[in-house]
Amino acid sequence: MADKPDMGGIASFNKAKLKKMETQEKNTPPTKETTGQKKRSEIS
């Protein structure tokens, strides 16, 4: 069928060529301290 993608590239993919990387969280959730400081600054 013409609507199916060509899977030839996936079959010949070499997983060993990938670089090892560590994930890093960029958007950390706020702590209770930071939310408390924000609430206090909004009240003032």
PDB file of N, CA and C in Angstrom:
ATOM      1  N   MET A   1       0.837  -1.181   0.000  1.00  0.00           N
ATOM      2  CA  MET A   1       0.000   0.000   0.000  1.00  0.00           C
ATOM      3  C   MET A   1       0.887   1.252   0.000  1.00  0.00           C
ATOM      4  N   ALA A   2       0.463   2.257  -0.650  1.00  0.00           N
ATOM      5  CA  ALA A   2       1.242   3.483  -0.796  1.00  0.00           C
ATOM      6  C   ALA A   2       1.202   4.352   0.458  1.00  0.00           C
ATOM      7  N   ASP A   3       0.211   4.175   1.334  1.00  0.00           N
ATOM      8  CA  ASP A   3       0.099   5.048   2.503  1.00  0.00           C
ATOM      9  C   ASP A   3       0.948   4.590   3.682  1.00  0.00           C
ATOM     10  N   LYS A   4       1.624   3.445   3.569  1.00  0.00           N
ATOM     11  CA  LYS A   4       2.498   2.976   4.652  1.00  0.00           C
ATOM     12  C   LYS A   4       3.908   3.528   4.444  1.00  0.00           C
ATOM     13  N   PRO A   5       4.566   3.999   5.528  1.00  0.00           N
ATOM     14  CA  PRO A   5       5.929   4.531   5.383  1.00  0.00           C
ATOM     15  C   PRO A   5       6.950   3.436   5.109  1.00  0.00           C
ATOM     16  N   ASP A   6       8.071   3.826   4.528  1.00  0.00           N
ATOM     17  CA  ASP A   6       9.161   2.901   4.234  1.00  0.00           C
ATOM     18  C   ASP A   6       9.919   2.610   5.531  1.00  0.00           C
ATOM     19  N   MET A   7       9.973   1.371   5.962  1.00  0.00           N
ATOM     20  CA  MET A   7      10.619   0.987   7.211  1.00  0.00           C
ATOM     21  C   MET A   7      12.036   0.469   6.991  1.00  0.00           C
ATOM     22  N   GLY A   8      12.579   0.607   5.807  1.00  0.00           N
ATOM     23  CA  GLY A   8      13.916   0.107   5.498  1.00  0.00           C
ATOM     24  C   GLY A   8      14.998   0.773   6.341  1.00  0.00           C
ATOM     25  N   GLY A   9      14.875   2.070   6.590  1.00  0.00           N
ATOM     26  CA  GLY A   9      15.856   2.795   7.390  1.00  0.00           C
ATOM     27  C   GLY A   9      15.858   2.354   8.837  1.00  0.00           C
ATOM     28  N   ILE A  10      14.709   2.008   9.352  1.00  0.00           N
ATOM     29  CA  ILE A  10      14.607   1.558  10.744  1.00  0.00           C
ATOM     30  C   ILE A  10      15.243   0.183  10.905  1.00  0.00           C
ATOM     31  N   ALA A  11      15.054  -0.666   9.944  1.00  0.00           N
ATOM     32  CA  ALA A  11      15.602  -2.027  10.023  1.00  0.00           C
ATOM     33  C   ALA A  11      17.130  -2.015  10.004  1.00  0.00           C
ATOM     34  N   SER A  12      17.727  -1.046   9.305  1.00  0.00           N
ATOM     35  CA  SER A  12      19.187  -1.010   9.208  1.00  0.00           C
ATOM     36  C   SER A  12      19.818  -0.012  10.181  1.00  0.00           C
ATOM     37  N   PHE A  13      19.051   0.508  11.127  1.00  0.00           N
ATOM     38  CA  PHE A  13      19.554   1.494  12.089  1.00  0.00           C
ATOM     39  C   PHE A  13      20.528   0.848  13.068  1.00  0.00           C
ATOM     40  N   ASN A  14      21.683   1.494  13.293  1.00  0.00           N
ATOM     41  CA  ASN A  14      22.695   0.967  14.200  1.00  0.00           C
ATOM     42  C   ASN A  14      22.610   1.715  15.526  1.00  0.00           C
ATOM     43  N   LYS A  15      22.076   1.060  16.530  1.00  0.00           N
ATOM     44  CA  LYS A  15      21.883   1.671  17.841  1.00  0.00           C
ATOM     45  C   LYS A  15      23.217   1.964  18.534  1.00  0.00           C
ATOM     46  N   ALA A  16      24.267   1.273  18.186  1.00  0.00           N
ATOM     47  CA  ALA A  16      25.579   1.444  18.810  1.00  0.00           C
ATOM     48  C   ALA A  16      26.212   2.796  18.457  1.00  0.00           C
ATOM     49  N   LYS A  17      25.763   3.440  17.397  1.00  0.00           N
ATOM     50  CA  LYS A  17      26.325   4.733  16.997  1.00  0.00           C
ATOM     51  C   LYS A  17      25.786   5.896  17.820  1.00  0.00           C
ATOM     52  N   LEU A  18      24.753   5.662  18.617  1.00  0.00           N
ATOM     53  CA  LEU A  18      24.177   6.738  19.421  1.00  0.00           C
ATOM     54  C   LEU A  18      25.109   7.130  20.550  1.00  0.00           C
ATOM     55  N   LYS A  19      25.131   8.414  20.890  1.00  0.00           N
ATOM     56  CA  LYS A  19      25.949   8.903  21.991  1.00  0.00           C
ATOM     57  C   LYS A  19      25.183   8.725  23.301  1.00  0.00           C
ATOM     58  N   LYS A  20      25.916   8.411  24.362  1.00  0.00           N
ATOM     59  CA  LYS A  20      25.309   8.316  25.683  1.00  0.00           C
ATOM     60  C   LYS A  20      25.147   9.718  26.244  1.00  0.00           C
ATOM     61  N   MET A  21      23.959  10.015  26.754  1.00  0.00           N
ATOM     62  CA  MET A  21      23.702  11.331  27.332  1.00  0.00           C
ATOM     63  C   MET A  21      22.895  11.161  28.607  1.00  0.00           C
ATOM     64  N   GLU A  22      23.093  12.087  29.532  1.00  0.00           N
ATOM     65  CA  GLU A  22      22.310  12.088  30.751  1.00  0.00           C
ATOM     66  C   GLU A  22      21.216  13.130  30.607  1.00  0.00           C
ATOM     67  N   THR A  23      20.014  12.775  31.030  1.00  0.00           N
ATOM     68  CA  THR A  23      18.924  13.736  30.969  1.00  0.00           C
ATOM     69  C   THR A  23      19.042  14.711  32.125  1.00  0.00           C
ATOM     70  N   GLN A  24      18.714  15.954  31.850  1.00  0.00           N
ATOM     71  CA  GLN A  24      18.748  17.004  32.867  1.00  0.00           C
ATOM     72  C   GLN A  24      17.410  17.718  32.872  1.00  0.00           C
ATOM     73  N   GLU A  25      16.833  17.839  34.048  1.00  0.00           N
ATOM     74  CA  GLU A  25      15.561  18.533  34.165  1.00  0.00           C
ATOM     75  C   GLU A  25      15.812  20.035  34.163  1.00  0.00           C
ATOM     76  N   LYS A  26      15.193  20.723  33.238  1.00  0.00           N
ATOM     77  CA  LYS A  26      15.400  22.164  33.124  1.00  0.00           C
ATOM     78  C   LYS A  26      14.335  22.945  33.883  1.00  0.00           C
ATOM     79  N   ASN A  27      13.113  22.477  33.853  1.00  0.00           N
ATOM     80  CA  ASN A  27      12.019  23.180  34.513  1.00  0.00           C
ATOM     81  C   ASN A  27      11.656  22.434  35.790  1.00  0.00           C
ATOM     82  N   THR A  28      12.333  22.775  36.855  1.00  0.00           N
ATOM     83  CA  THR A  28      12.059  22.118  38.125  1.00  0.00           C
ATOM     84  C   THR A  28      10.845  22.753  38.774  1.00  0.00           C
ATOM     85  N   PRO A  29      10.020  21.967  39.427  1.00  0.00           N
ATOM     86  CA  PRO A  29       8.853  22.537  40.090  1.00  0.00           C
ATOM     87  C   PRO A  29       9.278  23.397  41.276  1.00  0.00           C
ATOM     88  N   PRO A  30       8.510  24.417  41.598  1.00  0.00           N
ATOM     89  CA  PRO A  30       8.883  25.295  42.704  1.00  0.00           C
ATOM     90  C   PRO A  30       8.779  24.575  44.050  1.00  0.00           C
ATOM     91  N   THR A  31       9.640  24.967  44.969  1.00  0.00           N
ATOM     92  CA  THR A  31       9.608  24.385  46.306  1.00  0.00           C
ATOM     93  C   THR A  31       8.591  25.135  47.152  1.00  0.00           C
ATOM     94  N   LYS A  32       8.307  24.617  48.336  1.00  0.00           N
ATOM     95  CA  LYS A  32       7.372  25.292  49.231  1.00  0.00           C
ATOM     96  C   LYS A  32       7.911  26.659  49.634  1.00  0.00           C
ATOM     97  N   GLU A  33       9.226  26.778  49.770  1.00  0.00           N
ATOM     98  CA  GLU A  33       9.840  28.059  50.139  1.00  0.00           C
ATOM     99  C   GLU A  33       9.585  29.121  49.070  1.00  0.00           C
ATOM    100  N   THR A  34       9.805  28.761  47.815  1.00  0.00           N
ATOM    101  CA  THR A  34       9.653  29.761  46.745  1.00  0.00           C
ATOM    102  C   THR A  34       8.189  30.152  46.569  1.00  0.00           C
ATOM    103  N   THR A  35       7.270  29.212  46.727  1.00  0.00           N
ATOM    104  CA  THR A  35       5.855  29.565  46.593  1.00  0.00           C
ATOM    105  C   THR A  35       5.420  30.431  47.768  1.00  0.00           C
ATOM    106  N   GLY A  36       5.952  30.164  48.958  1.00  0.00           N
ATOM    107  CA  GLY A  36       5.634  30.986  50.126  1.00  0.00           C
ATOM    108  C   GLY A  36       6.154  32.392  49.962  1.00  0.00           C
ATOM    109  N   GLN A  37       7.355  32.545  49.429  1.00  0.00           N
ATOM    110  CA  GLN A  37       7.938  33.868  49.201  1.00  0.00           C
ATOM    111  C   GLN A  37       7.115  34.641  48.179  1.00  0.00           C
ATOM    112  N   LYS A  38       6.655  33.957  47.151  1.00  0.00           N
ATOM    113  CA  LYS A  38       5.876  34.609  46.105  1.00  0.00           C
ATOM    114  C   LYS A  38       4.542  35.086  46.665  1.00  0.00           C
ATOM    115  N   LYS A  39       3.896  34.244  47.479  1.00  0.00           N
ATOM    116  CA  LYS A  39       2.619  34.621  48.069  1.00  0.00           C
ATOM    117  C   LYS A  39       2.787  35.826  48.984  1.00  0.00           C
ATOM    118  N   ARG A  40       3.878  35.839  49.773  1.00  0.00           N
ATOM    119  CA  ARG A  40       4.111  36.959  50.682  1.00  0.00           C
ATOM    120  C   ARG A  40       4.362  38.251  49.925  1.00  0.00           C
ATOM    121  N   SER A  41       5.060  38.170  48.794  1.00  0.00           N
ATOM    122  CA  SER A  41       5.359  39.370  48.014  1.00  0.00           C
ATOM    123  C   SER A  41       4.097  39.892  47.316  1.00  0.00           C
ATOM    124  N   GLU A  42       3.163  39.009  46.986  1.00  0.00           N
ATOM    125  CA  GLU A  42       1.928  39.445  46.337  1.00  0.00           C
ATOM    126  C   GLU A  42       1.011  40.144  47.334  1.00  0.00           C
ATOM    127  N   ILE A  43       1.043  39.716  48.597  1.00  0.00           N
ATOM    128  CA  ILE A  43       0.202  40.307  49.630  1.00  0.00           C
ATOM    129  C   ILE A  43       0.678  41.714  49.974  1.00  0.00           C
ATOM    130  N   SER A  44       1.979  41.934  49.999  1.00  0.00           N
ATOM    131  CA  SER A  44       2.539  43.241  50.378  1.00  0.00           C
ATOM    132  C   SER A  44       2.232  44.326  49.390  1.00  0.00           C
TER     133      SER A  44
END
